[in-house]
């Protein structure tokens, strides 16, 4: 999984858990939207999503649901 993510331009990828609500928060820096969009089509990603069904809320098309967060501070 890690190598596949790197091959698709992912850097500094982190998934964090908020234990009080069991919410997962993901952060990833990507090289390009096009390369990143291809991740969903890989077998390893599909296996990951299936394995994580207990923790992930899915859209009707079985892609993970996400909610944009409002950026409050950024230091480049």
Foldseek 3Di string as FASTA:
>chain_A
DVVLCVVLFWDPWDWDADVVVLAIDIDIDGPDPVSVVCSCVDPVNVVVLVVCVVRFDADPVRDGDDDDDDDDDDDD
